[in-house]
């Protein structure tokens, strides 16, 4: 799979699909101030640990909180400005996940799923 960089409109189209996993890679305080509806907050370091453990065990899934994510699931990533989510997107894609990164991060997101301000 390849890492796909998407804009706010495309992000909203994917976010509207049932079963899509949205991951906010920012810290907990930033997440509480504003985030995209339905997102799970997990740091990129923690997600990296989960990916590495999964790879070492030869698994094709990862567990985010209580949700098992398969490689075929659509995973949407975002951070503050897009750099961290792009790096994680590339890594997850190398592991075979169907992952997309929000261009410009939440700072440039103008979609309909923003909570807080």
C-alpha atoms as a PDB file:
ATOM      1  CA  UNK A   1       0.000   0.000   0.000  1.00  0.00           C
ATOM      2  CA  UNK A   2       1.023   3.590  -0.474  1.00  0.00           C
ATOM      3  CA  UNK A   3       0.673   6.560   1.825  1.00  0.00           C
ATOM      4  CA  UNK A   4      -1.911   8.931   0.406  1.00  0.00           C
ATOM      5  CA  UNK A   5      -1.985  12.621   1.328  1.00  0.00           C
ATOM      6  CA  UNK A   6      -5.548  13.970   1.222  1.00  0.00           C
ATOM      7  CA  UNK A   7      -7.209  17.366   1.633  1.00  0.00           C
ATOM      8  CA  UNK A   8     -10.117  18.288   3.941  1.00  0.00           C
ATOM      9  CA  UNK A   9     -12.803  17.431   1.385  1.00  0.00           C
ATOM     10  CA  UNK A  10     -11.417  13.953   0.772  1.00  0.00           C
ATOM     11  CA  UNK A  11     -10.891  13.482   4.516  1.00  0.00           C
ATOM     12  CA  UNK A  12     -14.572  14.248   5.122  1.00  0.00           C
ATOM     13  CA  UNK A  13     -15.650  11.768   2.427  1.00  0.00           C
ATOM     14  CA  UNK A  14     -13.629   9.010   4.072  1.00  0.00           C
ATOM     15  CA  UNK A  15     -14.689  10.033   7.590  1.00  0.00           C
ATOM     16  CA  UNK A  16     -18.335   9.592   6.597  1.00  0.00           C
ATOM     17  CA  UNK A  17     -17.772   5.921   5.751  1.00  0.00           C
ATOM     18  CA  UNK A  18     -18.672   3.406   8.439  1.00  0.00           C
ATOM     19  CA  UNK A  19     -15.698   1.552   9.890  1.00  0.00           C
ATOM     20  CA  UNK A  20     -13.046   4.149   9.048  1.00  0.00           C
ATOM     21  CA  UNK A  21     -10.489   4.661  11.815  1.00  0.00           C
ATOM     22  CA  UNK A  22      -9.418   8.254  12.551  1.00  0.00           C
ATOM     23  CA  UNK A  23      -6.259   8.760  14.613  1.00  0.00           C
ATOM     24  CA  UNK A  24      -5.134  12.080  16.114  1.00  0.00           C
ATOM     25  CA  UNK A  25      -1.375  11.926  16.747  1.00  0.00           C
ATOM     26  CA  UNK A  26      -1.170  15.104  18.854  1.00  0.00           C
ATOM     27  CA  UNK A  27      -0.850  15.240  22.638  1.00  0.00           C
ATOM     28  CA  UNK A  28      -3.851  14.855  24.915  1.00  0.00           C
ATOM     29  CA  UNK A  29      -4.106  18.560  25.775  1.00  0.00           C
ATOM     30  CA  UNK A  30      -4.218  19.597  22.108  1.00  0.00           C
ATOM     31  CA  UNK A  31      -6.782  16.877  21.454  1.00  0.00           C
ATOM     32  CA  UNK A  32      -9.051  18.155  24.236  1.00  0.00           C
ATOM     33  CA  UNK A  33      -8.986  21.707  22.817  1.00  0.00           C
ATOM     34  CA  UNK A  34     -10.114  20.615  19.355  1.00  0.00           C
ATOM     35  CA  UNK A  35     -10.166  17.458  17.324  1.00  0.00           C
ATOM     36  CA  UNK A  36     -11.968  15.750  14.499  1.00  0.00           C
ATOM     37  CA  UNK A  37     -15.169  14.005  15.565  1.00  0.00           C
ATOM     38  CA  UNK A  38     -14.709  10.271  16.032  1.00  0.00           C
ATOM     39  CA  UNK A  39     -10.918  10.445  16.327  1.00  0.00           C
ATOM     40  CA  UNK A  40      -8.903   8.329  18.724  1.00  0.00           C
ATOM     41  CA  UNK A  41      -6.036  10.177  20.411  1.00  0.00           C
ATOM     42  CA  UNK A  42      -2.774   8.233  20.407  1.00  0.00           C
ATOM     43  CA  UNK A  43       0.726   9.668  20.211  1.00  0.00           C
ATOM     44  CA  UNK A  44       2.872   8.836  17.217  1.00  0.00           C
ATOM     45  CA  UNK A  45       5.438   7.271  19.585  1.00  0.00           C
ATOM     46  CA  UNK A  46       2.800   4.960  21.047  1.00  0.00           C
ATOM     47  CA  UNK A  47       1.475   4.060  17.596  1.00  0.00           C
ATOM     48  CA  UNK A  48       5.030   3.348  16.479  1.00  0.00           C
ATOM     49  CA  UNK A  49       5.458   0.960  19.453  1.00  0.00           C
ATOM     50  CA  UNK A  50       2.217  -0.818  18.542  1.00  0.00           C
ATOM     51  CA  UNK A  51       3.339  -1.180  14.908  1.00  0.00           C
ATOM     52  CA  UNK A  52       6.752  -2.526  15.888  1.00  0.00           C
ATOM     53  CA  UNK A  53       5.286  -5.059  18.326  1.00  0.00           C
ATOM     54  CA  UNK A  54       2.827  -6.211  15.686  1.00  0.00           C
ATOM     55  CA  UNK A  55       5.614  -6.584  13.128  1.00  0.00           C
ATOM     56  CA  UNK A  56       7.823  -8.570  15.540  1.00  0.00           C
ATOM     57  CA  UNK A  57       4.945 -10.922  16.253  1.00  0.00           C
ATOM     58  CA  UNK A  58       4.200 -11.341  12.552  1.00  0.00           C
ATOM     59  CA  UNK A  59       0.682  -9.962  12.912  1.00  0.00           C
ATOM     60  CA  UNK A  60      -1.220  -8.203  10.146  1.00  0.00           C
ATOM     61  CA  UNK A  61      -3.348  -6.239  12.586  1.00  0.00           C
ATOM     62  CA  UNK A  62      -2.782  -3.615  15.262  1.00  0.00           C
ATOM     63  CA  UNK A  63      -4.903  -2.841  18.294  1.00  0.00           C
ATOM     64  CA  UNK A  64      -5.796   0.790  18.955  1.00  0.00           C
ATOM     65  CA  UNK A  65      -7.476   1.039  22.361  1.00  0.00           C
ATOM     66  CA  UNK A  66     -10.084  -1.738  22.091  1.00  0.00           C
ATOM     67  CA  UNK A  67     -10.326  -1.736  18.314  1.00  0.00           C
ATOM     68  CA  UNK A  68      -8.507  -4.202  16.095  1.00  0.00           C
ATOM     69  CA  UNK A  69      -7.344  -2.540  12.876  1.00  0.00           C
ATOM     70  CA  UNK A  70      -6.767  -4.765   9.859  1.00  0.00           C
ATOM     71  CA  UNK A  71      -4.540  -3.822   6.959  1.00  0.00           C
ATOM     72  CA  UNK A  72      -7.607  -3.519   4.739  1.00  0.00           C
ATOM     73  CA  UNK A  73      -9.294  -0.970   7.051  1.00  0.00           C
ATOM     74  CA  UNK A  74      -9.111   2.670   6.004  1.00  0.00           C
ATOM     75  CA  UNK A  75      -7.040   4.575   8.571  1.00  0.00           C
ATOM     76  CA  UNK A  76      -6.998   8.387   8.557  1.00  0.00           C
ATOM     77  CA  UNK A  77      -4.162  10.140  10.371  1.00  0.00           C
ATOM     78  CA  UNK A  78      -3.703  13.757  11.336  1.00  0.00           C
ATOM     79  CA  UNK A  79      -1.474  15.860  13.566  1.00  0.00           C
ATOM     80  CA  UNK A  80      -1.022  19.616  14.010  1.00  0.00           C
ATOM     81  CA  UNK A  81       0.452  20.569  10.642  1.00  0.00           C
ATOM     82  CA  UNK A  82       0.788  17.304   8.712  1.00  0.00           C
ATOM     83  CA  UNK A  83       4.457  16.381   9.086  1.00  0.00           C
ATOM     84  CA  UNK A  84       4.099  13.805  11.873  1.00  0.00           C
ATOM     85  CA  UNK A  85       1.066  12.168  10.275  1.00  0.00           C
ATOM     86  CA  UNK A  86       2.887  11.998   6.932  1.00  0.00           C
ATOM     87  CA  UNK A  87       5.840  10.175   8.507  1.00  0.00           C
ATOM     88  CA  UNK A  88       3.550   7.746  10.332  1.00  0.00           C
ATOM     89  CA  UNK A  89       1.472   7.296   7.178  1.00  0.00           C
ATOM     90  CA  UNK A  90       4.576   6.225   5.247  1.00  0.00           C
ATOM     91  CA  UNK A  91       5.576   3.764   7.961  1.00  0.00           C
ATOM     92  CA  UNK A  92       2.103   2.247   8.242  1.00  0.00           C
ATOM     93  CA  UNK A  93       1.899   1.945   4.453  1.00  0.00           C
ATOM     94  CA  UNK A  94       5.222   0.052   4.458  1.00  0.00           C
ATOM     95  CA  UNK A  95       3.595  -2.385   6.899  1.00  0.00           C
ATOM     96  CA  UNK A  96       0.743  -2.869   4.422  1.00  0.00           C
ATOM     97  CA  UNK A  97      -1.952  -0.663   5.971  1.00  0.00           C
ATOM     98  CA  UNK A  98      -4.464   1.343   3.939  1.00  0.00           C
ATOM     99  CA  UNK A  99      -3.621   4.729   5.429  1.00  0.00           C
ATOM    100  CA  UNK A 100      -4.153   8.370   4.492  1.00  0.00           C
ATOM    101  CA  UNK A 101      -2.734  11.556   5.995  1.00  0.00           C
ATOM    102  CA  UNK A 102      -4.527  14.904   6.250  1.00  0.00           C
ATOM    103  CA  UNK A 103      -2.559  17.525   4.322  1.00  0.00           C
ATOM    104  CA  UNK A 104      -1.662  20.459   6.571  1.00  0.00           C
ATOM    105  CA  UNK A 105      -2.994  18.706   9.676  1.00  0.00           C
ATOM    106  CA  UNK A 106      -5.797  19.995  11.840  1.00  0.00           C
ATOM    107  CA  UNK A 107      -4.477  23.569  11.475  1.00  0.00           C
ATOM    108  CA  UNK A 108      -5.573  23.574   7.823  1.00  0.00           C
ATOM    109  CA  UNK A 109      -8.603  21.309   8.214  1.00  0.00           C
ATOM    110  CA  UNK A 110     -11.780  23.100   7.139  1.00  0.00           C
ATOM    111  CA  UNK A 111     -14.107  20.129   7.146  1.00  0.00           C
ATOM    112  CA  UNK A 112     -17.396  19.539   8.851  1.00  0.00           C
ATOM    113  CA  UNK A 113     -16.153  17.214  11.616  1.00  0.00           C
ATOM    114  CA  UNK A 114     -14.110  19.693  13.664  1.00  0.00           C
ATOM    115  CA  UNK A 115     -15.021  19.923  17.360  1.00  0.00           C
ATOM    116  CA  UNK A 116     -13.853  22.789  19.563  1.00  0.00           C
ATOM    117  CA  UNK A 117     -12.122  25.832  18.091  1.00  0.00           C
END
